[in-house]
Amino acid sequence: MFNWFGNFVKDYDVEDIDESLLDRIFDLESRVLKLETENVELTNCLYEVENRLQSQIDNIHPVTYNLNNYGLDN
């Protein structure tokens, strides 16, 4: 994602750029990539939990009472 910066800098003289700044940029790039991966994994887990919960809700069968024989006149 941020490789464009490395590609941009490699063609120029980088004596003016502090090495710690470049290290920090590459470190942040790796952290962003890791967070993007974890975000995908978390989203998949949430969909799985949603599907499991929905299937459990669908399996609930409430008791139905036959009240046809009862009324105000009985």
PDB file of N, CA and C in Angstrom:
ATOM      1  N   MET A   1       0.821  -1.195   0.000  1.00  0.00           N
ATOM      2  CA  MET A   1       0.000   0.000   0.000  1.00  0.00           C
ATOM      3  C   MET A   1       0.865   1.259   0.000  1.00  0.00           C
ATOM      4  N   PHE A   2       1.876   1.298   0.832  1.00  0.00           N
ATOM      5  CA  PHE A   2       2.726   2.471   0.899  1.00  0.00           C
ATOM      6  C   PHE A   2       4.062   2.257   0.193  1.00  0.00           C
ATOM      7  N   ASN A   3       4.132   1.278  -0.635  1.00  0.00           N
ATOM      8  CA  ASN A   3       5.372   1.028  -1.368  1.00  0.00           C
ATOM      9  C   ASN A   3       5.694   2.159  -2.339  1.00  0.00           C
ATOM     10  N   TRP A   4       4.699   2.960  -2.655  1.00  0.00           N
ATOM     11  CA  TRP A   4       4.926   4.077  -3.566  1.00  0.00           C
ATOM     12  C   TRP A   4       5.972   5.027  -2.997  1.00  0.00           C
ATOM     13  N   PHE A   5       6.007   5.164  -1.661  1.00  0.00           N
ATOM     14  CA  PHE A   5       6.978   6.070  -1.061  1.00  0.00           C
ATOM     15  C   PHE A   5       8.390   5.531  -1.237  1.00  0.00           C
ATOM     16  N   GLY A   6       8.552   4.226  -1.008  1.00  0.00           N
ATOM     17  CA  GLY A   6       9.870   3.619  -1.201  1.00  0.00           C
ATOM     18  C   GLY A   6      10.306   3.704  -2.650  1.00  0.00           C
ATOM     19  N   ASN A   7       9.376   3.485  -3.573  1.00  0.00           N
ATOM     20  CA  ASN A   7       9.703   3.592  -4.995  1.00  0.00           C
ATOM     21  C   ASN A   7      10.052   5.028  -5.381  1.00  0.00           C
ATOM     22  N   PHE A   8       9.365   5.972  -4.781  1.00  0.00           N
ATOM     23  CA  PHE A   8       9.631   7.376  -5.061  1.00  0.00           C
ATOM     24  C   PHE A   8      10.997   7.795  -4.539  1.00  0.00           C
ATOM     25  N   VAL A   9      11.334   7.346  -3.347  1.00  0.00           N
ATOM     26  CA  VAL A   9      12.566   7.774  -2.699  1.00  0.00           C
ATOM     27  C   VAL A   9      13.790   7.090  -3.299  1.00  0.00           C
ATOM     28  N   LYS A  10      13.659   5.866  -3.790  1.00  0.00           N
ATOM     29  CA  LYS A  10      14.836   5.139  -4.258  1.00  0.00           C
ATOM     30  C   LYS A  10      15.463   5.762  -5.507  1.00  0.00           C
ATOM     31  N   ASP A  11      14.687   6.533  -6.253  1.00  0.00           N
ATOM     32  CA  ASP A  11      15.210   7.175  -7.458  1.00  0.00           C
ATOM     33  C   ASP A  11      15.936   8.491  -7.173  1.00  0.00           C
ATOM     34  N   TYR A  12      15.844   8.977  -5.966  1.00  0.00           N
ATOM     35  CA  TYR A  12      16.433  10.268  -5.627  1.00  0.00           C
ATOM     36  C   TYR A  12      17.510  10.095  -4.559  1.00  0.00           C
ATOM     37  N   ASP A  13      18.311  11.130  -4.423  1.00  0.00           N
ATOM     38  CA  ASP A  13      19.334  11.152  -3.382  1.00  0.00           C
ATOM     39  C   ASP A  13      18.629  11.377  -2.050  1.00  0.00           C
ATOM     40  N   VAL A  14      18.762  10.441  -1.140  1.00  0.00           N
ATOM     41  CA  VAL A  14      18.016  10.508   0.112  1.00  0.00           C
ATOM     42  C   VAL A  14      18.899  10.912   1.290  1.00  0.00           C
ATOM     43  N   GLU A  15      19.963  11.619   1.009  1.00  0.00           N
ATOM     44  CA  GLU A  15      20.828  12.042   2.102  1.00  0.00           C
ATOM     45  C   GLU A  15      20.127  13.018   3.023  1.00  0.00           C
ATOM     46  N   ASP A  16      19.172  13.774   2.478  1.00  0.00           N
ATOM     47  CA  ASP A  16      18.465  14.751   3.299  1.00  0.00           C
ATOM     48  C   ASP A  16      17.408  14.099   4.189  1.00  0.00           C
ATOM     49  N   ILE A  17      17.004  12.922   3.842  1.00  0.00           N
ATOM     50  CA  ILE A  17      15.949  12.250   4.601  1.00  0.00           C
ATOM     51  C   ILE A  17      16.595  11.412   5.697  1.00  0.00           C
ATOM     52  N   ASP A  18      16.118  11.581   6.885  1.00  0.00           N
ATOM     53  CA  ASP A  18      16.641  10.862   8.033  1.00  0.00           C
ATOM     54  C   ASP A  18      16.271   9.384   7.918  1.00  0.00           C
ATOM     55  N   GLU A  19      17.223   8.500   8.205  1.00  0.00           N
ATOM     56  CA  GLU A  19      16.959   7.061   8.117  1.00  0.00           C
ATOM     57  C   GLU A  19      15.892   6.621   9.113  1.00  0.00           C
ATOM     58  N   SER A  20      15.841   7.274  10.257  1.00  0.00           N
ATOM     59  CA  SER A  20      14.823   6.888  11.242  1.00  0.00           C
ATOM     60  C   SER A  20      13.431   7.196  10.712  1.00  0.00           C
ATOM     61  N   LEU A  21      13.307   8.244   9.911  1.00  0.00           N
ATOM     62  CA  LEU A  21      12.015   8.572   9.313  1.00  0.00           C
ATOM     63  C   LEU A  21      11.599   7.481   8.327  1.00  0.00           C
ATOM     64  N   LEU A  22      12.538   7.030   7.520  1.00  0.00           N
ATOM     65  CA  LEU A  22      12.234   5.948   6.576  1.00  0.00           C
ATOM     66  C   LEU A  22      11.884   4.666   7.316  1.00  0.00           C
ATOM     67  N   ASP A  23      12.627   4.370   8.372  1.00  0.00           N
ATOM     68  CA  ASP A  23      12.322   3.184   9.163  1.00  0.00           C
ATOM     69  C   ASP A  23      10.925   3.285   9.769  1.00  0.00           C
ATOM     70  N   ARG A  24      10.597   4.460  10.245  1.00  0.00           N
ATOM     71  CA  ARG A  24       9.266   4.669  10.851  1.00  0.00           C
ATOM     72  C   ARG A  24       8.163   4.497   9.800  1.00  0.00           C
ATOM     73  N   ILE A  25       8.379   4.997   8.613  1.00  0.00           N
ATOM     74  CA  ILE A  25       7.377   4.867   7.543  1.00  0.00           C
ATOM     75  C   ILE A  25       7.177   3.405   7.184  1.00  0.00           C
ATOM     76  N   PHE A  26       8.254   2.663   7.041  1.00  0.00           N
ATOM     77  CA  PHE A  26       8.133   1.249   6.697  1.00  0.00           C
ATOM     78  C   PHE A  26       7.521   0.446   7.845  1.00  0.00           C
ATOM     79  N   ASP A  27       7.820   0.843   9.085  1.00  0.00           N
ATOM     80  CA  ASP A  27       7.215   0.192  10.241  1.00  0.00           C
ATOM     81  C   ASP A  27       5.705   0.434  10.249  1.00  0.00           C
ATOM     82  N   LEU A  28       5.303   1.661   9.994  1.00  0.00           N
ATOM     83  CA  LEU A  28       3.880   1.975   9.953  1.00  0.00           C
ATOM     84  C   LEU A  28       3.177   1.247   8.809  1.00  0.00           C
ATOM     85  N   GLU A  29       3.854   1.097   7.697  1.00  0.00           N
ATOM     86  CA  GLU A  29       3.282   0.363   6.565  1.00  0.00           C
ATOM     87  C   GLU A  29       2.998  -1.088   6.964  1.00  0.00           C
ATOM     88  N   SER A  30       3.930  -1.717   7.642  1.00  0.00           N
ATOM     89  CA  SER A  30       3.725  -3.109   8.047  1.00  0.00           C
ATOM     90  C   SER A  30       2.604  -3.218   9.076  1.00  0.00           C
ATOM     91  N   ARG A  31       2.493  -2.239   9.958  1.00  0.00           N
ATOM     92  CA  ARG A  31       1.421  -2.255  10.942  1.00  0.00           C
ATOM     93  C   ARG A  31       0.063  -2.093  10.290  1.00  0.00           C
ATOM     94  N   VAL A  32      -0.027  -1.219   9.283  1.00  0.00           N
ATOM     95  CA  VAL A  32      -1.289  -1.023   8.572  1.00  0.00           C
ATOM     96  C   VAL A  32      -1.693  -2.305   7.850  1.00  0.00           C
ATOM     97  N   LEU A  33      -0.749  -2.961   7.214  1.00  0.00           N
ATOM     98  CA  LEU A  33      -1.052  -4.211   6.518  1.00  0.00           C
ATOM     99  C   LEU A  33      -1.540  -5.281   7.500  1.00  0.00           C
ATOM    100  N   LYS A  34      -0.923  -5.340   8.673  1.00  0.00           N
ATOM    101  CA  LYS A  34      -1.339  -6.302   9.688  1.00  0.00           C
ATOM    102  C   LYS A  34      -2.755  -5.983  10.177  1.00  0.00           C
ATOM    103  N   LEU A  35      -3.047  -4.708  10.402  1.00  0.00           N
ATOM    104  CA  LEU A  35      -4.379  -4.313  10.854  1.00  0.00           C
ATOM    105  C   LEU A  35      -5.439  -4.610   9.798  1.00  0.00           C
ATOM    106  N   GLU A  36      -5.098  -4.425   8.537  1.00  0.00           N
ATOM    107  CA  GLU A  36      -6.050  -4.744   7.472  1.00  0.00           C
ATOM    108  C   GLU A  36      -6.359  -6.234   7.455  1.00  0.00           C
ATOM    109  N   THR A  37      -5.351  -7.052   7.663  1.00  0.00           N
ATOM    110  CA  THR A  37      -5.551  -8.503   7.704  1.00  0.00           C
ATOM    111  C   THR A  37      -6.415  -8.889   8.896  1.00  0.00           C
ATOM    112  N   GLU A  38      -6.124  -8.317  10.051  1.00  0.00           N
ATOM    113  CA  GLU A  38      -6.908  -8.619  11.243  1.00  0.00           C
ATOM    114  C   GLU A  38      -8.346  -8.137  11.091  1.00  0.00           C
ATOM    115  N   ASN A  39      -8.544  -7.033  10.389  1.00  0.00           N
ATOM    116  CA  ASN A  39      -9.888  -6.526  10.165  1.00  0.00           C
ATOM    117  C   ASN A  39     -10.700  -7.517   9.341  1.00  0.00           C
ATOM    118  N   VAL A  40     -10.097  -8.093   8.327  1.00  0.00           N
ATOM    119  CA  VAL A  40     -10.786  -9.084   7.496  1.00  0.00           C
ATOM    120  C   VAL A  40     -11.136 -10.308   8.347  1.00  0.00           C
ATOM    121  N   GLU A  41     -10.191 -10.760   9.163  1.00  0.00           N
ATOM    122  CA  GLU A  41     -10.439 -11.927  10.015  1.00  0.00           C
ATOM    123  C   GLU A  41     -11.555 -11.649  11.024  1.00  0.00           C
ATOM    124  N   LEU A  42     -11.561 -10.452  11.599  1.00  0.00           N
ATOM    125  CA  LEU A  42     -12.588 -10.089  12.563  1.00  0.00           C
ATOM    126  C   LEU A  42     -13.956 -10.029  11.889  1.00  0.00           C
ATOM    127  N   THR A  43     -14.018  -9.470  10.706  1.00  0.00           N
ATOM    128  CA  THR A  43     -15.282  -9.397   9.974  1.00  0.00           C
ATOM    129  C   THR A  43     -15.812 -10.793   9.677  1.00  0.00           C
ATOM    130  N   ASN A  44     -14.940 -11.704   9.275  1.00  0.00           N
ATOM    131  CA  ASN A  44     -15.361 -13.076   9.013  1.00  0.00           C
ATOM    132  C   ASN A  44     -15.883 -13.753  10.278  1.00  0.00           C
ATOM    133  N   CYS A  45     -15.220 -13.522  11.399  1.00  0.00           N
ATOM    134  CA  CYS A  45     -15.675 -14.104  12.665  1.00  0.00           C
ATOM    135  C   CYS A  45     -17.039 -13.542  13.076  1.00  0.00           C
ATOM    136  N   LEU A  46     -17.245 -12.256  12.857  1.00  0.00           N
ATOM    137  CA  LEU A  46     -18.533 -11.659  13.194  1.00  0.00           C
ATOM    138  C   LEU A  46     -19.653 -12.230  12.338  1.00  0.00           C
ATOM    139  N   TYR A  47     -19.401 -12.453  11.058  1.00  0.00           N
ATOM    140  CA  TYR A  47     -20.405 -13.076  10.193  1.00  0.00           C
ATOM    141  C   TYR A  47     -20.707 -14.499  10.659  1.00  0.00           C
ATOM    142  N   GLU A  48     -19.685 -15.215  11.086  1.00  0.00           N
ATOM    143  CA  GLU A  48     -19.888 -16.579  11.576  1.00  0.00           C
ATOM    144  C   GLU A  48     -20.743 -16.578  12.834  1.00  0.00           C
ATOM    145  N   VAL A  49     -20.464 -15.668  13.757  1.00  0.00           N
ATOM    146  CA  VAL A  49     -21.254 -15.569  14.984  1.00  0.00           C
ATOM    147  C   VAL A  49     -22.697 -15.188  14.651  1.00  0.00           C
ATOM    148  N   GLU A  50     -22.867 -14.268  13.728  1.00  0.00           N
ATOM    149  CA  GLU A  50     -24.214 -13.860  13.323  1.00  0.00           C
ATOM    150  C   GLU A  50     -24.992 -15.048  12.752  1.00  0.00           C
ATOM    151  N   ASN A  51     -24.355 -15.831  11.911  1.00  0.00           N
ATOM    152  CA  ASN A  51     -25.021 -16.986  11.309  1.00  0.00           C
ATOM    153  C   ASN A  51     -25.382 -18.034  12.371  1.00  0.00           C
ATOM    154  N   ARG A  52     -24.480 -18.268  13.306  1.00  0.00           N
ATOM    155  CA  ARG A  52     -24.769 -19.231  14.372  1.00  0.00           C
ATOM    156  C   ARG A  52     -25.932 -18.759  15.239  1.00  0.00           C
ATOM    157  N   LEU A  53     -25.931 -17.487  15.586  1.00  0.00           N
ATOM    158  CA  LEU A  53     -26.998 -16.940  16.408  1.00  0.00           C
ATOM    159  C   LEU A  53     -28.328 -17.000  15.673  1.00  0.00           C
ATOM    160  N   GLN A  54     -28.322 -16.680  14.398  1.00  0.00           N
ATOM    161  CA  GLN A  54     -29.545 -16.729  13.612  1.00  0.00           C
ATOM    162  C   GLN A  54     -30.077 -18.155  13.521  1.00  0.00           C
ATOM    163  N   SER A  55     -29.181 -19.127  13.375  1.00  0.00           N
ATOM    164  CA  SER A  55     -29.635 -20.523  13.311  1.00  0.00           C
ATOM    165  C   SER A  55     -30.215 -20.972  14.650  1.00  0.00           C
ATOM    166  N   GLN A  56     -29.645 -20.496  15.756  1.00  0.00           N
ATOM    167  CA  GLN A  56     -30.200 -20.834  17.073  1.00  0.00           C
ATOM    168  C   GLN A  56     -31.564 -20.185  17.271  1.00  0.00           C
ATOM    169  N   ILE A  57     -31.727 -18.954  16.791  1.00  0.00           N
ATOM    170  CA  ILE A  57     -33.019 -18.275  16.892  1.00  0.00           C
ATOM    171  C   ILE A  57     -34.050 -19.008  16.043  1.00  0.00           C
ATOM    172  N   ASP A  58     -33.648 -19.460  14.879  1.00  0.00           N
ATOM    173  CA  ASP A  58     -34.572 -20.185  13.996  1.00  0.00           C
ATOM    174  C   ASP A  58     -35.008 -21.510  14.594  1.00  0.00           C
ATOM    175  N   ASN A  59     -34.196 -22.105  15.446  1.00  0.00           N
ATOM    176  CA  ASN A  59     -34.522 -23.392  16.065  1.00  0.00           C
ATOM    177  C   ASN A  59     -35.449 -23.264  17.265  1.00  0.00           C
ATOM    178  N   ILE A  60     -35.724 -22.061  17.710  1.00  0.00           N
ATOM    179  CA  ILE A  60     -36.631 -21.863  18.839  1.00  0.00           C
ATOM    180  C   ILE A  60     -38.058 -22.047  18.336  1.00  0.00           C
ATOM    181  N   HIS A  61     -38.774 -22.982  18.955  1.00  0.00           N
ATOM    182  CA  HIS A  61     -40.166 -23.247  18.590  1.00  0.00           C
ATOM    183  C   HIS A  61     -41.018 -22.992  19.823  1.00  0.00           C
ATOM    184  N   PRO A  62     -41.679 -21.861  19.881  1.00  0.00           N
ATOM    185  CA  PRO A  62     -42.488 -21.581  21.068  1.00  0.00           C
ATOM    186  C   PRO A  62     -43.698 -22.525  21.132  1.00  0.00           C
ATOM    187  N   VAL A  63     -44.180 -22.731  22.337  1.00  0.00           N
ATOM    188  CA  VAL A  63     -45.336 -23.586  22.551  1.00  0.00           C
ATOM    189  C   VAL A  63     -46.565 -22.873  21.996  1.00  0.00           C
ATOM    190  N   THR A  64     -47.344 -23.604  21.206  1.00  0.00           N
ATOM    191  CA  THR A  64     -48.586 -23.031  20.681  1.00  0.00           C
ATOM    192  C   THR A  64     -49.750 -23.670  21.429  1.00  0.00           C
ATOM    193  N   TYR A  65     -50.624 -22.855  21.912  1.00  0.00           N
ATOM    194  CA  TYR A  65     -51.784 -23.320  22.670  1.00  0.00           C
ATOM    195  C   TYR A  65     -53.011 -23.299  21.765  1.00  0.00           C
ATOM    196  N   ASN A  66     -53.811 -24.340  21.873  1.00  0.00           N
ATOM    197  CA  ASN A  66     -55.041 -24.418  21.112  1.00  0.00           C
ATOM    198  C   ASN A  66     -56.145 -23.803  21.959  1.00  0.00           C
ATOM    199  N   LEU A  67     -56.507 -22.597  21.651  1.00  0.00           N
ATOM    200  CA  LEU A  67     -57.523 -21.891  22.426  1.00  0.00           C
ATOM    201  C   LEU A  67     -58.817 -21.744  21.635  1.00  0.00           C
ATOM    202  N   ASN A  68     -58.973 -22.560  20.615  1.00  0.00           N
ATOM    203  CA  ASN A  68     -60.189 -22.471  19.793  1.00  0.00           C
ATOM    204  C   ASN A  68     -61.435 -22.902  20.564  1.00  0.00           C
ATOM    205  N   ASN A  69     -61.294 -23.805  21.514  1.00  0.00           N
ATOM    206  CA  ASN A  69     -62.449 -24.308  22.271  1.00  0.00           C
ATOM    207  C   ASN A  69     -62.828 -23.393  23.425  1.00  0.00           C
ATOM    208  N   TYR A  70     -62.118 -22.353  23.630  1.00  0.00           N
ATOM    209  CA  TYR A  70     -62.388 -21.440  24.748  1.00  0.00           C
ATOM    210  C   TYR A  70     -62.806 -20.086  24.211  1.00  0.00           C
ATOM    211  N   GLY A  71     -63.715 -19.490  24.877  1.00  0.00           N
ATOM    212  CA  GLY A  71     -64.177 -18.160  24.489  1.00  0.00           C
ATOM    213  C   GLY A  71     -64.885 -17.521  25.649  1.00  0.00           C
ATOM    214  N   LEU A  72     -65.489 -16.391  25.404  1.00  0.00           N
ATOM    215  CA  LEU A  72     -66.189 -15.676  26.464  1.00  0.00           C
ATOM    216  C   LEU A  72     -67.488 -16.349  26.849  1.00  0.00           C
ATOM    217  N   ASP A  73     -68.081 -17.105  25.923  1.00  0.00           N
ATOM    218  CA  ASP A  73     -69.363 -17.737  26.213  1.00  0.00           C
ATOM    219  C   ASP A  73     -69.197 -19.052  26.962  1.00  0.00           C
ATOM    220  N   ASN A  74     -68.008 -19.640  27.059  1.00  0.00           N
ATOM    221  CA  ASN A  74     -67.801 -20.910  27.782  1.00  0.00           C
ATOM    222  C   ASN A  74     -67.370 -20.686  29.194  1.00  0.00           C
TER     223      ASN A  74
END
